[in-house]
PDB file of N, CA and C in Angstrom:
ATOM      1  N   MET A   1     -28.972  -3.829 -21.345  1.00  0.00           N
ATOM      2  CA  MET A   1     -28.841  -4.440 -20.647  1.00  0.00           C
ATOM      3  C   MET A   1     -28.267  -3.507 -19.911  1.00  0.00           C
ATOM      4  N   PRO A   2     -28.829  -3.723 -18.583  1.00  0.00           N
ATOM      5  CA  PRO A   2     -29.106  -2.864 -17.385  1.00  0.00           C
ATOM      6  C   PRO A   2     -27.669  -4.082 -16.557  1.00  0.00           C
ATOM      7  N   VAL A   3     -27.328  -3.202 -15.372  1.00  0.00           N
ATOM      8  CA  VAL A   3     -25.857  -3.617 -14.812  1.00  0.00           C
ATOM      9  C   VAL A   3     -26.453  -3.645 -13.141  1.00  0.00           C
ATOM     10  N   THR A   4     -26.263  -4.512 -13.138  1.00  0.00           N
ATOM     11  CA  THR A   4     -26.541  -4.838 -11.304  1.00  0.00           C
ATOM     12  C   THR A   4     -25.243  -5.042 -10.338  1.00  0.00           C
ATOM     13  N   ALA A   5     -24.842  -4.427  -9.628  1.00  0.00           N
ATOM     14  CA  ALA A   5     -23.398  -4.861  -8.553  1.00  0.00           C
ATOM     15  C   ALA A   5     -24.212  -4.757  -6.753  1.00  0.00           C
ATOM     16  N   TYR A   6     -23.392  -5.476  -6.358  1.00  0.00           N
ATOM     17  CA  TYR A   6     -23.093  -5.172  -4.969  1.00  0.00           C
ATOM     18  C   TYR A   6     -22.065  -4.661  -4.661  1.00  0.00           C
ATOM     19  N   VAL A   7     -22.279  -3.553  -3.769  1.00  0.00           N
ATOM     20  CA  VAL A   7     -21.276  -2.442  -3.368  1.00  0.00           C
ATOM     21  C   VAL A   7     -20.882  -2.973  -1.304  1.00  0.00           C
ATOM     22  N   LEU A   8     -19.786  -3.396  -1.458  1.00  0.00           N
ATOM     23  CA  LEU A   8     -19.544  -3.204   0.059  1.00  0.00           C
ATOM     24  C   LEU A   8     -18.677  -2.583   0.321  1.00  0.00           C
ATOM     25  N   ILE A   9     -19.444  -1.823   1.844  1.00  0.00           N
ATOM     26  CA  ILE A   9     -18.904  -0.269   2.053  1.00  0.00           C
ATOM     27  C   ILE A   9     -18.250  -0.778   3.738  1.00  0.00           C
ATOM     28  N   GLN A  10     -17.246  -0.084   3.927  1.00  0.00           N
ATOM     29  CA  GLN A  10     -16.300   0.163   5.374  1.00  0.00           C
ATOM     30  C   GLN A  10     -16.583   1.307   5.651  1.00  0.00           C
ATOM     31  N   THR A  11     -17.216   1.580   6.715  1.00  0.00           N
ATOM     32  CA  THR A  11     -16.925   2.741   6.942  1.00  0.00           C
ATOM     33  C   THR A  11     -16.868   3.197   8.589  1.00  0.00           C
ATOM     34  N   GLU A  12     -16.575   4.474   9.354  1.00  0.00           N
ATOM     35  CA  GLU A  12     -15.626   4.647  10.528  1.00  0.00           C
ATOM     36  C   GLU A  12     -16.522   4.023  11.439  1.00  0.00           C
ATOM     37  N   VAL A  13     -15.822   4.138  12.760  1.00  0.00           N
ATOM     38  CA  VAL A  13     -16.653   3.179  13.876  1.00  0.00           C
ATOM     39  C   VAL A  13     -18.122   3.593  14.381  1.00  0.00           C
ATOM     40  N   GLY A  14     -19.083   2.854  14.193  1.00  0.00           N
ATOM     41  CA  GLY A  14     -20.016   3.858  14.511  1.00  0.00           C
ATOM     42  C   GLY A  14     -21.404   4.305  14.097  1.00  0.00           C
ATOM     43  N   LYS A  15     -20.717   4.270  12.416  1.00  0.00           N
ATOM     44  CA  LYS A  15     -21.628   5.210  11.314  1.00  0.00           C
ATOM     45  C   LYS A  15     -22.274   4.577  10.407  1.00  0.00           C
ATOM     46  N   ALA A  16     -22.243   3.135  10.651  1.00  0.00           N
ATOM     47  CA  ALA A  16     -23.315   1.733   9.779  1.00  0.00           C
ATOM     48  C   ALA A  16     -24.703   2.205   9.550  1.00  0.00           C
ATOM     49  N   ALA A  17     -24.794   2.450  10.293  1.00  0.00           N
ATOM     50  CA  ALA A  17     -26.304   2.960  10.325  1.00  0.00           C
ATOM     51  C   ALA A  17     -26.780   4.283   9.777  1.00  0.00           C
ATOM     52  N   GLN A  18     -25.808   5.598   9.736  1.00  0.00           N
ATOM     53  CA  GLN A  18     -26.469   6.609   9.199  1.00  0.00           C
ATOM     54  C   GLN A  18     -25.974   6.347   7.849  1.00  0.00           C
ATOM     55  N   VAL A  19     -24.991   5.838   7.489  1.00  0.00           N
ATOM     56  CA  VAL A  19     -24.546   5.557   5.760  1.00  0.00           C
ATOM     57  C   VAL A  19     -25.611   4.666   5.129  1.00  0.00           C
ATOM     58  N   ALA A  20     -25.608   3.683   6.123  1.00  0.00           N
ATOM     59  CA  ALA A  20     -26.931   2.769   4.918  1.00  0.00           C
ATOM     60  C   ALA A  20     -28.439   3.759   4.606  1.00  0.00           C
ATOM     61  N   SER A  21     -28.606   4.789   5.975  1.00  0.00           N
ATOM     62  CA  SER A  21     -29.710   5.214   5.407  1.00  0.00           C
ATOM     63  C   SER A  21     -29.246   6.198   4.305  1.00  0.00           C
ATOM     64  N   GLN A  22     -28.819   7.253   4.536  1.00  0.00           N
ATOM     65  CA  GLN A  22     -27.939   8.186   3.376  1.00  0.00           C
ATOM     66  C   GLN A  22     -27.727   7.144   1.689  1.00  0.00           C
ATOM     67  N   VAL A  23     -27.287   6.082   2.237  1.00  0.00           N
ATOM     68  CA  VAL A  23     -26.761   5.283   0.779  1.00  0.00           C
ATOM     69  C   VAL A  23     -28.183   4.960  -0.061  1.00  0.00           C
ATOM     70  N   ALA A  24     -29.100   4.496   0.697  1.00  0.00           N
ATOM     71  CA  ALA A  24     -30.369   3.873   0.585  1.00  0.00           C
ATOM     72  C   ALA A  24     -31.480   4.653  -0.565  1.00  0.00           C
ATOM     73  N   VAL A  25     -31.013   5.977  -0.177  1.00  0.00           N
ATOM     74  CA  VAL A  25     -31.649   7.213  -1.213  1.00  0.00           C
ATOM     75  C   VAL A  25     -31.499   7.412  -2.402  1.00  0.00           C
ATOM     76  N   ILE A  26     -30.342   6.866  -2.822  1.00  0.00           N
ATOM     77  CA  ILE A  26     -29.390   7.378  -3.858  1.00  0.00           C
ATOM     78  C   ILE A  26     -30.521   7.295  -4.980  1.00  0.00           C
ATOM     79  N   GLU A  27     -30.669   7.497  -6.066  1.00  0.00           N
ATOM     80  CA  GLU A  27     -31.110   6.891  -7.060  1.00  0.00           C
ATOM     81  C   GLU A  27     -30.246   5.742  -7.806  1.00  0.00           C
ATOM     82  N   GLY A  28     -31.060   4.462  -8.048  1.00  0.00           N
ATOM     83  CA  GLY A  28     -30.079   3.446  -8.307  1.00  0.00           C
ATOM     84  C   GLY A  28     -29.778   2.186  -7.254  1.00  0.00           C
ATOM     85  N   VAL A  29     -29.944   2.701  -5.917  1.00  0.00           N
ATOM     86  CA  VAL A  29     -29.292   1.685  -5.130  1.00  0.00           C
ATOM     87  C   VAL A  29     -31.111   1.155  -4.602  1.00  0.00           C
ATOM     88  N   THR A  30     -31.550  -0.073  -5.180  1.00  0.00           N
ATOM     89  CA  THR A  30     -32.172  -0.699  -4.683  1.00  0.00           C
ATOM     90  C   THR A  30     -31.952  -1.454  -3.110  1.00  0.00           C
ATOM     91  N   GLN A  31     -31.067  -1.842  -3.105  1.00  0.00           N
ATOM     92  CA  GLN A  31     -31.085  -2.177  -1.102  1.00  0.00           C
ATOM     93  C   GLN A  31     -30.037  -1.545  -0.552  1.00  0.00           C
ATOM     94  N   ALA A  32     -30.322  -1.274   0.541  1.00  0.00           N
ATOM     95  CA  ALA A  32     -29.221  -0.729   1.567  1.00  0.00           C
ATOM     96  C   ALA A  32     -29.020  -1.745   3.133  1.00  0.00           C
ATOM     97  N   HIS A  33     -28.064  -2.847   3.702  1.00  0.00           N
ATOM     98  CA  HIS A  33     -28.279  -3.250   4.423  1.00  0.00           C
ATOM     99  C   HIS A  33     -27.312  -2.979   5.179  1.00  0.00           C
ATOM    100  N   ASP A  34     -27.217  -2.793   6.919  1.00  0.00           N
ATOM    101  CA  ASP A  34     -25.892  -2.887   8.019  1.00  0.00           C
ATOM    102  C   ASP A  34     -26.019  -3.952   7.895  1.00  0.00           C
ATOM    103  N   VAL A  35     -24.532  -4.473   8.090  1.00  0.00           N
ATOM    104  CA  VAL A  35     -23.815  -6.143   7.988  1.00  0.00           C
ATOM    105  C   VAL A  35     -23.085  -5.874   9.561  1.00  0.00           C
ATOM    106  N   THR A  36     -22.420  -7.613   9.655  1.00  0.00           N
ATOM    107  CA  THR A  36     -21.615  -7.896  10.313  1.00  0.00           C
ATOM    108  C   THR A  36     -20.246  -8.226   9.774  1.00  0.00           C
ATOM    109  N   GLY A  37     -19.198  -8.437  10.225  1.00  0.00           N
ATOM    110  CA  GLY A  37     -18.035  -8.837   9.350  1.00  0.00           C
ATOM    111  C   GLY A  37     -17.115  -7.614   9.105  1.00  0.00           C
ATOM    112  N   PRO A  38     -16.352  -8.323   7.876  1.00  0.00           N
ATOM    113  CA  PRO A  38     -15.680  -7.215   7.729  1.00  0.00           C
ATOM    114  C   PRO A  38     -15.761  -5.863   6.823  1.00  0.00           C
ATOM    115  N   TYR A  39     -17.189  -5.823   6.189  1.00  0.00           N
ATOM    116  CA  TYR A  39     -17.938  -4.807   5.697  1.00  0.00           C
ATOM    117  C   TYR A  39     -19.051  -4.004   6.646  1.00  0.00           C
ATOM    118  N   ASP A  40     -19.070  -3.288   6.105  1.00  0.00           N
ATOM    119  CA  ASP A  40     -20.352  -2.445   7.593  1.00  0.00           C
ATOM    120  C   ASP A  40     -21.975  -2.200   7.023  1.00  0.00           C
ATOM    121  N   VAL A  41     -21.936  -2.216   5.774  1.00  0.00           N
ATOM    122  CA  VAL A  41     -22.455  -1.572   5.107  1.00  0.00           C
ATOM    123  C   VAL A  41     -22.593  -2.826   3.437  1.00  0.00           C
ATOM    124  N   ILE A  42     -23.578  -2.956   3.182  1.00  0.00           N
ATOM    125  CA  ILE A  42     -23.960  -3.815   1.540  1.00  0.00           C
ATOM    126  C   ILE A  42     -25.025  -2.878   1.108  1.00  0.00           C
ATOM    127  N   LEU A  43     -24.651  -2.926  -0.368  1.00  0.00           N
ATOM    128  CA  LEU A  43     -25.741  -2.326  -0.966  1.00  0.00           C
ATOM    129  C   LEU A  43     -25.822  -3.106  -1.945  1.00  0.00           C
ATOM    130  N   GLN A  44     -27.460  -2.766  -3.041  1.00  0.00           N
ATOM    131  CA  GLN A  44     -27.613  -3.391  -4.003  1.00  0.00           C
ATOM    132  C   GLN A  44     -27.910  -2.338  -5.306  1.00  0.00           C
ATOM    133  N   ALA A  45     -26.980  -2.144  -6.331  1.00  0.00           N
ATOM    134  CA  ALA A  45     -27.145  -0.866  -7.371  1.00  0.00           C
ATOM    135  C   ALA A  45     -27.573  -1.629  -8.546  1.00  0.00           C
ATOM    136  N   LYS A  46     -28.387  -1.074  -9.416  1.00  0.00           N
ATOM    137  CA  LYS A  46     -28.706  -1.084 -10.593  1.00  0.00           C
ATOM    138  C   LYS A  46     -28.554   0.582 -11.709  1.00  0.00           C
ATOM    139  N   ALA A  47     -27.762   0.258 -12.646  1.00  0.00           N
ATOM    140  CA  ALA A  47     -27.912   1.514 -13.911  1.00  0.00           C
ATOM    141  C   ALA A  47     -28.137   0.833 -14.962  1.00  0.00           C
ATOM    142  N   ASP A  48     -27.683   1.576 -15.550  1.00  0.00           N
ATOM    143  CA  ASP A  48     -27.845   1.326 -17.417  1.00  0.00           C
ATOM    144  C   ASP A  48     -26.799   1.022 -17.796  1.00  0.00           C
ATOM    145  N   THR A  49     -26.109   1.578 -17.365  1.00  0.00           N
ATOM    146  CA  THR A  49     -24.235   1.227 -18.017  1.00  0.00           C
ATOM    147  C   THR A  49     -23.597   0.698 -17.105  1.00  0.00           C
ATOM    148  N   VAL A  50     -22.328   0.155 -17.353  1.00  0.00           N
ATOM    149  CA  VAL A  50     -21.040   0.239 -16.533  1.00  0.00           C
ATOM    150  C   VAL A  50     -20.595   1.150 -16.016  1.00  0.00           C
ATOM    151  N   ASP A  51     -20.830   2.645 -17.059  1.00  0.00           N
ATOM    152  CA  ASP A  51     -20.170   4.060 -16.651  1.00  0.00           C
ATOM    153  C   ASP A  51     -20.918   4.365 -15.815  1.00  0.00           C
ATOM    154  N   ASP A  52     -22.506   4.250 -15.980  1.00  0.00           N
ATOM    155  CA  ASP A  52     -23.378   5.004 -15.252  1.00  0.00           C
ATOM    156  C   ASP A  52     -23.122   4.567 -14.227  1.00  0.00           C
ATOM    157  N   LEU A  53     -23.123   3.330 -13.555  1.00  0.00           N
ATOM    158  CA  LEU A  53     -22.774   2.816 -12.007  1.00  0.00           C
ATOM    159  C   LEU A  53     -21.520   2.879 -11.642  1.00  0.00           C
ATOM    160  N   GLY A  54     -20.418   3.212 -12.245  1.00  0.00           N
ATOM    161  CA  GLY A  54     -19.134   3.952 -11.884  1.00  0.00           C
ATOM    162  C   GLY A  54     -19.560   5.210 -11.269  1.00  0.00           C
ATOM    163  N   GLN A  55     -20.352   6.285 -12.300  1.00  0.00           N
ATOM    164  CA  GLN A  55     -20.897   7.580 -12.489  1.00  0.00           C
ATOM    165  C   GLN A  55     -21.095   7.603 -10.561  1.00  0.00           C
ATOM    166  N   MET A  56     -22.299   6.732 -10.177  1.00  0.00           N
ATOM    167  CA  MET A  56     -22.773   6.697  -9.419  1.00  0.00           C
ATOM    168  C   MET A  56     -21.979   6.282  -7.837  1.00  0.00           C
ATOM    169  N   ILE A  57     -21.318   5.471  -8.197  1.00  0.00           N
ATOM    170  CA  ILE A  57     -20.488   4.793  -6.894  1.00  0.00           C
ATOM    171  C   ILE A  57     -19.668   6.465  -6.280  1.00  0.00           C
ATOM    172  N   VAL A  58     -19.023   6.776  -7.658  1.00  0.00           N
ATOM    173  CA  VAL A  58     -17.790   7.816  -7.317  1.00  0.00           C
ATOM    174  C   VAL A  58     -18.339   9.191  -6.568  1.00  0.00           C
ATOM    175  N   SER A  59     -19.537   9.777  -7.286  1.00  0.00           N
ATOM    176  CA  SER A  59     -19.947   9.988  -7.386  1.00  0.00           C
ATOM    177  C   SER A  59     -21.146  10.784  -5.599  1.00  0.00           C
ATOM    178  N   ARG A  60     -21.366   9.702  -6.024  1.00  0.00           N
ATOM    179  CA  ARG A  60     -22.466   9.450  -5.182  1.00  0.00           C
ATOM    180  C   ARG A  60     -22.678   9.159  -3.638  1.00  0.00           C
ATOM    181  N   VAL A  61     -22.157   7.994  -3.989  1.00  0.00           N
ATOM    182  CA  VAL A  61     -21.761   6.523  -2.937  1.00  0.00           C
ATOM    183  C   VAL A  61     -20.472   7.225  -2.028  1.00  0.00           C
ATOM    184  N   GLN A  62     -19.087   7.433  -2.535  1.00  0.00           N
ATOM    185  CA  GLN A  62     -18.409   8.064  -1.908  1.00  0.00           C
ATOM    186  C   GLN A  62     -18.079   8.845  -1.499  1.00  0.00           C
ATOM    187  N   MET A  63     -19.143  10.048  -1.645  1.00  0.00           N
ATOM    188  CA  MET A  63     -18.966  11.241  -1.280  1.00  0.00           C
ATOM    189  C   MET A  63     -19.807  11.548   0.062  1.00  0.00           C
ATOM    190  N   ILE A  64     -20.548  10.428   0.788  1.00  0.00           N
ATOM    191  CA  ILE A  64     -21.335  10.084   2.086  1.00  0.00           C
ATOM    192  C   ILE A  64     -19.972   9.746   2.971  1.00  0.00           C
ATOM    193  N   GLU A  65     -20.121  11.123   4.188  1.00  0.00           N
ATOM    194  CA  GLU A  65     -19.491  10.995   5.335  1.00  0.00           C
ATOM    195  C   GLU A  65     -19.197   9.968   5.864  1.00  0.00           C
ATOM    196  N   GLY A  66     -18.521   9.313   6.352  1.00  0.00           N
ATOM    197  CA  GLY A  66     -17.799   8.210   7.039  1.00  0.00           C
ATOM    198  C   GLY A  66     -17.875   6.779   6.455  1.00  0.00           C
ATOM    199  N   ILE A  67     -17.671   7.336   4.825  1.00  0.00           N
ATOM    200  CA  ILE A  67     -17.366   5.956   3.947  1.00  0.00           C
ATOM    201  C   ILE A  67     -16.239   6.126   4.138  1.00  0.00           C
ATOM    202  N   THR A  68     -15.079   4.855   4.587  1.00  0.00           N
ATOM    203  CA  THR A  68     -13.860   4.695   4.638  1.00  0.00           C
ATOM    204  C   THR A  68     -13.528   3.947   3.091  1.00  0.00           C
ATOM    205  N   ARG A  69     -14.089   3.447   2.319  1.00  0.00           N
ATOM    206  CA  ARG A  69     -13.667   2.370   1.688  1.00  0.00           C
ATOM    207  C   ARG A  69     -14.750   1.453   1.006  1.00  0.00           C
ATOM    208  N   THR A  70     -14.717   1.681  -0.734  1.00  0.00           N
ATOM    209  CA  THR A  70     -16.141   0.480  -1.272  1.00  0.00           C
ATOM    210  C   THR A  70     -14.899  -0.661  -1.639  1.00  0.00           C
ATOM    211  N   LEU A  71     -16.270  -1.140  -2.315  1.00  0.00           N
ATOM    212  CA  LEU A  71     -15.365  -2.408  -3.202  1.00  0.00           C
ATOM    213  C   LEU A  71     -16.870  -2.846  -3.974  1.00  0.00           C
ATOM    214  N   THR A  72     -17.019  -2.463  -5.528  1.00  0.00           N
ATOM    215  CA  THR A  72     -18.159  -2.839  -5.922  1.00  0.00           C
ATOM    216  C   THR A  72     -17.859  -4.055  -6.503  1.00  0.00           C
ATOM    217  N   CYS A  73     -19.076  -5.538  -6.717  1.00  0.00           N
ATOM    218  CA  CYS A  73     -18.862  -6.576  -7.297  1.00  0.00           C
ATOM    219  C   CYS A  73     -20.065  -6.535  -8.336  1.00  0.00           C
ATOM    220  N   PRO A  74     -20.078  -6.211  -9.608  1.00  0.00           N
ATOM    221  CA  PRO A  74     -20.910  -6.705 -10.249  1.00  0.00           C
ATOM    222  C   PRO A  74     -21.248  -8.102 -10.907  1.00  0.00           C
ATOM    223  N   VAL A  75     -22.474  -7.809 -11.135  1.00  0.00           N
ATOM    224  CA  VAL A  75     -23.045  -9.592 -11.308  1.00  0.00           C
ATOM    225  C   VAL A  75     -22.719 -10.000 -12.474  1.00  0.00           C
ATOM    226  N   VAL A  76     -22.299 -10.843 -12.534  1.00  0.00           N
ATOM    227  CA  VAL A  76     -22.542 -11.496 -14.056  1.00  0.00           C
ATOM    228  C   VAL A  76     -23.216 -12.878 -14.253  1.00  0.00           C
ATOM    229  N   ASN A  77     -23.368 -13.239 -15.213  1.00  0.00           N
ATOM    230  CA  ASN A  77     -24.820 -14.205 -15.997  1.00  0.00           C
ATOM    231  C   ASN A  77     -24.094 -14.840 -16.639  1.00  0.00           C
ATOM    232  N   LEU A  78     -23.131 -16.132 -15.957  1.00  0.00           N
ATOM    233  CA  LEU A  78     -22.512 -16.908 -16.488  1.00  0.00           C
ATOM    234  C   LEU A  78     -23.731 -18.101 -17.022  1.00  0.00           C
TER     235      LEU A  78
END
């Protein structure tokens, strides 16, 4: 069963739009939006497994310049 998660991203000041456009093209990212509030960008991602999701976040998303912090929130079906 595929894993879906929302990733909340904090960026350096003035970098939200640039980060959102860069994460949007990562394979597995289905949506990316600039937002206001404590986080600057929210993305939705899908992967085959939790390990694949973690690998995508660590090796692709967190490597983008301007990102200062991420919080990954996996979707659960209760």
